[in-house]
Amino acid sequence: MTNLLSRFVKDESGATAIEYGLIAALIALAIVAGAGFLGNTINAKFNTIAGTLKNAGSGNGG
């Protein structure tokens, strides 16, 4: 029984799996945050372009 317990304490394969899981979660969080920031930036740029085109189109007087 003591031998089984000491092997269980020395076994690090579960810890490695948990570490890989944490790394994957941090990478996923970084991707989500980056995609959200990029989406907001692109949306603001498109709104600027749309406003410029709208003003240019209404200024001609046809």
N, C-alpha and C. Protein backbone atom coordinates (compact mmCIF):
# COMPACT_ATOMS: atom_id res chain seq x y z
N MET A 1 0.82 -1.20 0.00
CA MET A 1 0.00 0.00 0.00
C MET A 1 0.87 1.26 0.00
N THR A 2 1.95 1.25 0.76
CA THR A 2 2.85 2.40 0.81
C THR A 2 3.53 2.60 -0.54
N ASN A 3 3.87 1.48 -1.20
CA ASN A 3 4.50 1.56 -2.51
C ASN A 3 3.55 2.20 -3.52
N LEU A 4 2.29 1.82 -3.48
CA LEU A 4 1.29 2.39 -4.38
C LEU A 4 1.13 3.89 -4.14
N LEU A 5 1.09 4.27 -2.88
CA LEU A 5 0.94 5.68 -2.54
C LEU A 5 2.15 6.49 -2.99
N SER A 6 3.35 5.97 -2.82
CA SER A 6 4.54 6.71 -3.22
C SER A 6 4.62 6.83 -4.75
N ARG A 7 4.19 5.79 -5.48
CA ARG A 7 4.16 5.90 -6.94
C ARG A 7 3.14 6.95 -7.39
N PHE A 8 2.02 7.01 -6.69
CA PHE A 8 0.99 8.00 -7.03
C PHE A 8 1.50 9.42 -6.80
N VAL A 9 2.22 9.64 -5.72
CA VAL A 9 2.75 10.97 -5.41
C VAL A 9 3.82 11.38 -6.42
N LYS A 10 4.64 10.42 -6.87
CA LYS A 10 5.72 10.73 -7.80
C LYS A 10 5.24 10.85 -9.24
N ASP A 11 4.04 10.37 -9.54
CA ASP A 11 3.53 10.40 -10.91
C ASP A 11 3.19 11.84 -11.29
N GLU A 12 3.78 12.35 -12.36
CA GLU A 12 3.56 13.73 -12.79
C GLU A 12 2.81 13.83 -14.11
N SER A 13 2.30 12.74 -14.63
CA SER A 13 1.62 12.80 -15.92
C SER A 13 0.32 13.58 -15.84
N GLY A 14 -0.39 13.49 -14.74
CA GLY A 14 -1.61 14.27 -14.57
C GLY A 14 -1.32 15.76 -14.48
N ALA A 15 -0.25 16.11 -13.80
CA ALA A 15 0.13 17.52 -13.69
C ALA A 15 0.49 18.09 -15.05
N THR A 16 1.15 17.28 -15.87
CA THR A 16 1.50 17.75 -17.21
C THR A 16 0.25 18.02 -18.03
N ALA A 17 -0.74 17.14 -17.93
CA ALA A 17 -1.98 17.34 -18.67
C ALA A 17 -2.69 18.61 -18.20
N ILE A 18 -2.69 18.85 -16.91
CA ILE A 18 -3.31 20.07 -16.39
C ILE A 18 -2.57 21.31 -16.87
N GLU A 19 -1.25 21.25 -16.92
CA GLU A 19 -0.48 22.38 -17.42
C GLU A 19 -0.79 22.67 -18.87
N TYR A 20 -0.87 21.63 -19.68
CA TYR A 20 -1.23 21.82 -21.09
C TYR A 20 -2.63 22.40 -21.22
N GLY A 21 -3.53 21.97 -20.38
CA GLY A 21 -4.89 22.51 -20.41
C GLY A 21 -4.92 23.99 -20.06
N LEU A 22 -4.13 24.38 -19.07
CA LEU A 22 -4.06 25.79 -18.69
C LEU A 22 -3.44 26.64 -19.79
N ILE A 23 -2.41 26.11 -20.43
CA ILE A 23 -1.78 26.83 -21.54
C ILE A 23 -2.77 27.01 -22.68
N ALA A 24 -3.51 25.95 -23.00
CA ALA A 24 -4.51 26.04 -24.07
C ALA A 24 -5.60 27.05 -23.73
N ALA A 25 -6.02 27.09 -22.47
CA ALA A 25 -7.04 28.05 -22.06
C ALA A 25 -6.52 29.48 -22.17
N LEU A 26 -5.28 29.72 -21.80
CA LEU A 26 -4.71 31.07 -21.90
C LEU A 26 -4.57 31.50 -23.36
N ILE A 27 -4.18 30.57 -24.22
CA ILE A 27 -4.08 30.89 -25.64
C ILE A 27 -5.45 31.21 -26.21
N ALA A 28 -6.46 30.43 -25.83
CA ALA A 28 -7.82 30.70 -26.31
C ALA A 28 -8.31 32.06 -25.83
N LEU A 29 -8.02 32.39 -24.59
CA LEU A 29 -8.42 33.69 -24.05
C LEU A 29 -7.75 34.83 -24.81
N ALA A 30 -6.48 34.67 -25.13
CA ALA A 30 -5.76 35.70 -25.88
C ALA A 30 -6.35 35.86 -27.29
N ILE A 31 -6.72 34.74 -27.91
CA ILE A 31 -7.32 34.81 -29.25
C ILE A 31 -8.67 35.52 -29.21
N VAL A 32 -9.49 35.20 -28.21
CA VAL A 32 -10.80 35.84 -28.09
C VAL A 32 -10.65 37.34 -27.84
N ALA A 33 -9.75 37.71 -26.96
CA ALA A 33 -9.55 39.13 -26.67
C ALA A 33 -9.01 39.86 -27.89
N GLY A 34 -8.06 39.25 -28.59
CA GLY A 34 -7.51 39.87 -29.79
C GLY A 34 -8.53 40.00 -30.89
N ALA A 35 -9.36 38.98 -31.07
CA ALA A 35 -10.39 39.04 -32.11
C ALA A 35 -11.43 40.11 -31.78
N GLY A 36 -11.77 40.24 -30.51
CA GLY A 36 -12.72 41.29 -30.12
C GLY A 36 -12.16 42.67 -30.37
N PHE A 37 -10.91 42.89 -30.02
CA PHE A 37 -10.27 44.19 -30.26
C PHE A 37 -10.18 44.48 -31.75
N LEU A 38 -9.76 43.48 -32.51
CA LEU A 38 -9.64 43.66 -33.96
C LEU A 38 -11.00 43.96 -34.59
N GLY A 39 -12.04 43.26 -34.12
CA GLY A 39 -13.39 43.51 -34.64
C GLY A 39 -13.86 44.93 -34.37
N ASN A 40 -13.61 45.41 -33.17
CA ASN A 40 -14.00 46.79 -32.84
C ASN A 40 -13.24 47.81 -33.67
N THR A 41 -11.96 47.56 -33.90
CA THR A 41 -11.13 48.47 -34.69
C THR A 41 -11.61 48.50 -36.15
N ILE A 42 -11.88 47.34 -36.70
CA ILE A 42 -12.35 47.27 -38.09
C ILE A 42 -13.72 47.93 -38.22
N ASN A 43 -14.59 47.72 -37.23
CA ASN A 43 -15.91 48.34 -37.26
C ASN A 43 -15.80 49.86 -37.25
N ALA A 44 -14.94 50.40 -36.41
CA ALA A 44 -14.75 51.85 -36.36
C ALA A 44 -14.22 52.38 -37.69
N LYS A 45 -13.30 51.64 -38.32
CA LYS A 45 -12.75 52.08 -39.60
C LYS A 45 -13.82 52.09 -40.69
N PHE A 46 -14.66 51.03 -40.72
CA PHE A 46 -15.74 50.99 -41.71
C PHE A 46 -16.75 52.10 -41.49
N ASN A 47 -17.04 52.42 -40.22
CA ASN A 47 -17.96 53.52 -39.95
C ASN A 47 -17.38 54.86 -40.41
N THR A 48 -16.08 55.04 -40.26
CA THR A 48 -15.42 56.26 -40.75
C THR A 48 -15.51 56.34 -42.27
N ILE A 49 -15.25 55.24 -42.94
CA ILE A 49 -15.33 55.21 -44.41
C ILE A 49 -16.75 55.48 -44.86
N ALA A 50 -17.73 54.87 -44.19
CA ALA A 50 -19.14 55.06 -44.57
C ALA A 50 -19.54 56.51 -44.41
N GLY A 51 -19.10 57.14 -43.31
CA GLY A 51 -19.42 58.56 -43.11
C GLY A 51 -18.78 59.44 -44.15
N THR A 52 -17.57 59.14 -44.54
CA THR A 52 -16.89 59.93 -45.57
C THR A 52 -17.60 59.79 -46.91
N LEU A 53 -17.98 58.57 -47.26
CA LEU A 53 -18.69 58.36 -48.52
C LEU A 53 -20.06 59.02 -48.52
N LYS A 54 -20.74 58.99 -47.38
CA LYS A 54 -22.05 59.62 -47.30
C LYS A 54 -21.94 61.13 -47.48
N ASN A 55 -20.94 61.73 -46.84
CA ASN A 55 -20.75 63.18 -46.98
C ASN A 55 -20.32 63.56 -48.39
N ALA A 56 -19.49 62.74 -49.01
CA ALA A 56 -19.04 63.03 -50.38
C ALA A 56 -20.20 62.91 -51.36
N GLY A 57 -21.08 61.96 -51.12
CA GLY A 57 -22.23 61.76 -52.03
C GLY A 57 -23.27 62.87 -51.90
N SER A 58 -23.45 63.39 -50.71
CA SER A 58 -24.48 64.43 -50.51
C SER A 58 -23.97 65.81 -50.89
N GLY A 59 -22.66 65.97 -51.04
CA GLY A 59 -22.08 67.29 -51.35
C GLY A 59 -22.11 67.61 -52.84
N ASN A 60 -22.37 66.65 -53.70
CA ASN A 60 -22.35 66.88 -55.15
C ASN A 60 -23.53 67.72 -55.61
N GLY A 61 -24.68 67.51 -55.07
CA GLY A 61 -25.86 68.29 -55.47
C GLY A 61 -26.50 67.80 -56.75
N GLY A 62 -26.00 66.77 -57.36
CA GLY A 62 -26.54 66.04 -58.45
C GLY A 62 -26.84 66.60 -59.68
